[in-house]
Amino acid sequence: MKTSKRALKALKGSIKKWEKIVNGTGADWGASNCPLCKLYYGFEDFHVKCSTSCPIAKLHEESCRDTPFQEWIAVQIEKKEFGYRPETAREIKLAKAELRFLKRLYSKLVRENEKEGVK
C-alpha cells in the first residue's frame, strides 16, 4: 500500500499534535486541529465518513474507529469538554496510547513506501 507524501506529512502533523497534548502544551480540538482530518474529512457534514484515502481510515474502514482515539473521545464527550487536555492518569494514558498508535502507523507506512521504492 503506497502512501502519498502529502498523507505522510499530515500524519506527521497529527503526531506533533498528540505530542503536544501528551506534554501538556496542546489540546485536542477534534477534526479542527487534526492535519489528517483537515486533509481527508468532509467538513460540510460533520457526520460524513472520513475519506478512505486517510491512512487511518484505510486500516479501520472509517474515521478513527478501533483506535485509541475512540476511548479518548468518549471521555471528552462524557465530560462535555472540547479543546480537551488530559487531566487524569487514565486520560494521560489514553493520549499516550493515541500517540504510540500514530507513531507506529507512520513507521509502518514509511517502511512500506521504502519497500515499494517511494521516497
Foldseek 3Di string as FASTA:
>chain_A
DAADPQLLVLLVQQLVQLVCLLVVNFFAQDLVRRSLSVVFPDPVDNPDWTDCNRLCCVVVVTDNPPALVVVLVVVCVVVVDGSHHDDDPVNSVSSVRNSVVSVVSSVVNVVVCVVVVHD
